[in-house]
Amino acid sequence: MQEQKLKTGVVKDNCNPEWNEEFTLSIKDVKTPIHLSVYDKDTLSGDDKMGEADIDLKPYVQCVQMGLNERPDDSSVKRIQPDDTNCLAEESNCIWQNGNIIQEMILKLRNVESGEVVVEIEWVDVIGCKGLSQVEL
């Protein structure tokens, strides 16, 4: 499968930009993290890489595989602690919301002095998708 590259819009003149954008990715292997790269847009020279982080999908898949149904909205399903195997800046939560599980996370950017990016993921089945219930981790 070809690498997928998606770009947010440019937020100008802001040291703490917020994008609030949604992207849909086709995931072939949930064991492969989603790689994020953050850049500073430069008009006259090349864009400067500000850092990078990976989204580990395995904790999210484990939550989906619990087979939960009909929980109160905003109830916590699982808490994921930051460690050497993920880019979490702090504890992340998988939460039941509107009949689905979402995972909210703050990722610490690597290869940069400081910086974080806030991300929320949610699995959406599409036609022909086998879903996550039978995926082996």
C-alpha atoms as a PDB file:
ATOM      1  CA  MET A   1       0.000   0.000   0.000  1.00  0.00           C
ATOM      2  CA  GLN A   2       1.224   3.458  -0.852  1.00  0.00           C
ATOM      3  CA  GLU A   3       2.087   5.858   1.942  1.00  0.00           C
ATOM      4  CA  GLN A   4      -0.751   8.284   2.660  1.00  0.00           C
ATOM      5  CA  LYS A   5       0.131  11.937   3.150  1.00  0.00           C
ATOM      6  CA  LEU A   6      -2.421  14.390   4.444  1.00  0.00           C
ATOM      7  CA  LYS A   7      -1.891  18.068   5.243  1.00  0.00           C
ATOM      8  CA  THR A   8      -3.762  20.432   7.485  1.00  0.00           C
ATOM      9  CA  GLY A   9      -4.394  24.009   6.513  1.00  0.00           C
ATOM     10  CA  VAL A  10      -1.785  26.611   7.450  1.00  0.00           C
ATOM     11  CA  VAL A  11      -2.407  28.622  10.621  1.00  0.00           C
ATOM     12  CA  LYS A  12      -0.539  31.918  10.290  1.00  0.00           C
ATOM     13  CA  ASP A  13       1.042  34.032  13.026  1.00  0.00           C
ATOM     14  CA  ASN A  14       0.180  31.717  15.906  1.00  0.00           C
ATOM     15  CA  CYS A  15       2.557  30.011  18.348  1.00  0.00           C
ATOM     16  CA  ASN A  16      -0.209  27.658  19.572  1.00  0.00           C
ATOM     17  CA  PRO A  17      -2.240  26.836  16.467  1.00  0.00           C
ATOM     18  CA  GLU A  18      -5.489  24.851  16.542  1.00  0.00           C
ATOM     19  CA  TRP A  19      -6.655  23.053  13.426  1.00  0.00           C
ATOM     20  CA  ASN A  20      -9.782  21.137  14.459  1.00  0.00           C
ATOM     21  CA  GLU A  21      -9.646  19.211  11.191  1.00  0.00           C
ATOM     22  CA  GLU A  22     -10.825  15.670  10.480  1.00  0.00           C
ATOM     23  CA  PHE A  23      -8.951  13.209   8.292  1.00  0.00           C
ATOM     24  CA  THR A  24      -9.838   9.716   7.147  1.00  0.00           C
ATOM     25  CA  LEU A  25      -7.039   7.212   6.660  1.00  0.00           C
ATOM     26  CA  SER A  26      -7.188   3.736   5.205  1.00  0.00           C
ATOM     27  CA  ILE A  27      -5.514   1.399   7.709  1.00  0.00           C
ATOM     28  CA  LYS A  28      -4.160  -1.920   6.423  1.00  0.00           C
ATOM     29  CA  ASP A  29      -2.136  -2.953   9.482  1.00  0.00           C
ATOM     30  CA  VAL A  30      -3.144  -1.751  12.959  1.00  0.00           C
ATOM     31  CA  LYS A  31       0.262  -2.847  14.281  1.00  0.00           C
ATOM     32  CA  THR A  32       1.907  -0.094  12.225  1.00  0.00           C
ATOM     33  CA  PRO A  33       1.707   3.282  13.996  1.00  0.00           C
ATOM     34  CA  ILE A  34       0.391   6.368  12.235  1.00  0.00           C
ATOM     35  CA  HIS A  35       3.348   8.731  11.806  1.00  0.00           C
ATOM     36  CA  LEU A  36       2.775  12.483  12.230  1.00  0.00           C
ATOM     37  CA  SER A  37       5.238  15.163  11.150  1.00  0.00           C
ATOM     38  CA  VAL A  38       4.752  18.787  12.168  1.00  0.00           C
ATOM     39  CA  TYR A  39       6.192  21.581  10.038  1.00  0.00           C
ATOM     40  CA  ASP A  40       6.517  25.346  10.264  1.00  0.00           C
ATOM     41  CA  LYS A  41       5.469  26.857   6.914  1.00  0.00           C
ATOM     42  CA  ASP A  42       8.116  29.147   5.404  1.00  0.00           C
ATOM     43  CA  THR A  43       7.336  31.260   2.382  1.00  0.00           C
ATOM     44  CA  LEU A  44      10.875  32.081   1.253  1.00  0.00           C
ATOM     45  CA  SER A  45      12.733  28.941   2.287  1.00  0.00           C
ATOM     46  CA  GLY A  46      11.822  25.288   2.770  1.00  0.00           C
ATOM     47  CA  ASP A  47       9.420  24.373   5.547  1.00  0.00           C
ATOM     48  CA  ASP A  48      11.076  23.656   8.919  1.00  0.00           C
ATOM     49  CA  LYS A  49      10.355  20.319  10.593  1.00  0.00           C
ATOM     50  CA  MET A  50       9.086  21.065  14.112  1.00  0.00           C
ATOM     51  CA  GLY A  51       8.909  17.485  15.354  1.00  0.00           C
ATOM     52  CA  GLU A  52       7.217  14.154  14.875  1.00  0.00           C
ATOM     53  CA  ALA A  53       5.145  11.622  16.786  1.00  0.00           C
ATOM     54  CA  ASP A  54       3.569   8.213  16.268  1.00  0.00           C
ATOM     55  CA  ILE A  55       0.028   7.127  17.116  1.00  0.00           C
ATOM     56  CA  ASP A  56       0.024   3.577  18.473  1.00  0.00           C
ATOM     57  CA  LEU A  57      -3.316   2.012  17.447  1.00  0.00           C
ATOM     58  CA  LYS A  58      -2.970  -1.175  19.505  1.00  0.00           C
ATOM     59  CA  PRO A  59      -4.496   0.163  22.784  1.00  0.00           C
ATOM     60  CA  TYR A  60      -7.466   1.502  20.817  1.00  0.00           C
ATOM     61  CA  VAL A  61      -7.968  -1.831  19.026  1.00  0.00           C
ATOM     62  CA  GLN A  62      -7.858  -3.659  22.382  1.00  0.00           C
ATOM     63  CA  CYS A  63     -10.721  -1.436  23.611  1.00  0.00           C
ATOM     64  CA  VAL A  64     -12.824  -2.130  20.521  1.00  0.00           C
ATOM     65  CA  GLN A  65     -12.189  -5.858  20.904  1.00  0.00           C
ATOM     66  CA  MET A  66     -13.736  -5.780  24.403  1.00  0.00           C
ATOM     67  CA  GLY A  67     -17.093  -5.888  22.605  1.00  0.00           C
ATOM     68  CA  LEU A  68     -18.727  -3.272  24.791  1.00  0.00           C
ATOM     69  CA  ASN A  69     -22.295  -2.143  24.143  1.00  0.00           C
ATOM     70  CA  GLU A  70     -24.604   0.499  25.535  1.00  0.00           C
ATOM     71  CA  ARG A  71     -22.440   2.367  27.984  1.00  0.00           C
ATOM     72  CA  PRO A  72     -23.117   5.877  29.273  1.00  0.00           C
ATOM     73  CA  ASP A  73     -21.552   8.552  27.034  1.00  0.00           C
ATOM     74  CA  ASP A  74     -18.167   9.839  28.165  1.00  0.00           C
ATOM     75  CA  SER A  75     -17.496   6.747  30.294  1.00  0.00           C
ATOM     76  CA  SER A  76     -13.868   5.657  30.385  1.00  0.00           C
ATOM     77  CA  VAL A  77     -13.106   2.282  28.801  1.00  0.00           C
ATOM     78  CA  LYS A  78      -9.333   2.171  29.281  1.00  0.00           C
ATOM     79  CA  ARG A  79      -6.511   4.435  30.428  1.00  0.00           C
ATOM     80  CA  ILE A  80      -3.170   4.272  28.641  1.00  0.00           C
ATOM     81  CA  GLN A  81      -0.057   5.461  30.453  1.00  0.00           C
ATOM     82  CA  PRO A  82       2.883   7.181  28.750  1.00  0.00           C
ATOM     83  CA  ASP A  83       5.967   4.976  28.404  1.00  0.00           C
ATOM     84  CA  ASP A  84       8.974   4.348  26.166  1.00  0.00           C
ATOM     85  CA  THR A  85       6.837   2.609  23.512  1.00  0.00           C
ATOM     86  CA  ASN A  86       4.460   5.517  22.829  1.00  0.00           C
ATOM     87  CA  CYS A  87       4.632   9.287  22.344  1.00  0.00           C
ATOM     88  CA  LEU A  88       2.057  10.104  25.014  1.00  0.00           C
ATOM     89  CA  ALA A  89       2.765  13.262  26.992  1.00  0.00           C
ATOM     90  CA  GLU A  90       0.240  12.226  29.644  1.00  0.00           C
ATOM     91  CA  GLU A  91      -2.353   9.566  30.350  1.00  0.00           C
ATOM     92  CA  SER A  92      -4.658   8.893  27.402  1.00  0.00           C
ATOM     93  CA  ASN A  93      -8.262   7.724  27.655  1.00  0.00           C
ATOM     94  CA  CYS A  94     -10.387   5.523  25.462  1.00  0.00           C
ATOM     95  CA  ILE A  95     -13.926   6.801  25.961  1.00  0.00           C
ATOM     96  CA  TRP A  96     -17.376   5.531  24.976  1.00  0.00           C
ATOM     97  CA  GLN A  97     -19.157   8.258  23.001  1.00  0.00           C
ATOM     98  CA  ASN A  98     -22.271   8.057  20.816  1.00  0.00           C
ATOM     99  CA  GLY A  99     -22.051   4.281  20.473  1.00  0.00           C
ATOM    100  CA  ASN A 100     -18.349   4.271  19.553  1.00  0.00           C
ATOM    101  CA  ILE A 101     -14.977   4.289  21.255  1.00  0.00           C
ATOM    102  CA  ILE A 102     -12.753   7.308  20.771  1.00  0.00           C
ATOM    103  CA  GLN A 103      -9.253   7.834  22.097  1.00  0.00           C
ATOM    104  CA  GLU A 104      -8.082  11.259  23.132  1.00  0.00           C
ATOM    105  CA  MET A 105      -4.345  11.804  23.423  1.00  0.00           C
ATOM    106  CA  ILE A 106      -1.681  14.444  23.789  1.00  0.00           C
ATOM    107  CA  LEU A 107       1.440  13.389  21.914  1.00  0.00           C
ATOM    108  CA  LYS A 108       4.893  14.667  22.784  1.00  0.00           C
ATOM    109  CA  LEU A 109       6.796  15.661  19.649  1.00  0.00           C
ATOM    110  CA  ARG A 110      10.167  13.928  19.155  1.00  0.00           C
ATOM    111  CA  ASN A 111      13.332  15.414  17.668  1.00  0.00           C
ATOM    112  CA  VAL A 112      12.470  18.878  18.953  1.00  0.00           C
ATOM    113  CA  GLU A 113      13.132  20.718  22.225  1.00  0.00           C
ATOM    114  CA  SER A 114       9.442  20.912  23.126  1.00  0.00           C
ATOM    115  CA  GLY A 115       6.033  20.639  21.562  1.00  0.00           C
ATOM    116  CA  GLU A 116       2.829  18.643  21.742  1.00  0.00           C
ATOM    117  CA  VAL A 117      -0.060  17.817  19.460  1.00  0.00           C
ATOM    118  CA  VAL A 118      -3.574  16.884  20.609  1.00  0.00           C
ATOM    119  CA  VAL A 119      -5.227  14.075  18.646  1.00  0.00           C
ATOM    120  CA  GLU A 120      -8.489  12.148  18.808  1.00  0.00           C
ATOM    121  CA  ILE A 121      -8.958   8.875  16.921  1.00  0.00           C
ATOM    122  CA  GLU A 122     -12.057   6.892  16.076  1.00  0.00           C
ATOM    123  CA  TRP A 123     -12.428   3.770  13.915  1.00  0.00           C
ATOM    124  CA  VAL A 124     -15.086   3.946  11.199  1.00  0.00           C
ATOM    125  CA  ASP A 125     -15.970   0.767   9.309  1.00  0.00           C
ATOM    126  CA  VAL A 126     -16.443   1.202   5.567  1.00  0.00           C
ATOM    127  CA  ILE A 127     -17.981  -1.161   3.026  1.00  0.00           C
ATOM    128  CA  GLY A 128     -15.743  -4.193   2.620  1.00  0.00           C
ATOM    129  CA  CYS A 129     -13.996  -3.597   5.956  1.00  0.00           C
ATOM    130  CA  LYS A 130     -13.666  -6.617   8.230  1.00  0.00           C
ATOM    131  CA  GLY A 131     -13.633  -4.402  11.324  1.00  0.00           C
ATOM    132  CA  LEU A 132     -11.358  -4.653  14.322  1.00  0.00           C
ATOM    133  CA  SER A 133     -12.975  -7.491  16.270  1.00  0.00           C
ATOM    134  CA  GLN A 134     -10.939 -10.241  14.577  1.00  0.00           C
ATOM    135  CA  VAL A 135      -7.650  -8.377  14.139  1.00  0.00           C
ATOM    136  CA  GLU A 136      -4.658 -10.058  15.765  1.00  0.00           C
ATOM    137  CA  LEU A 137      -2.290  -7.868  17.706  1.00  0.00           C
END
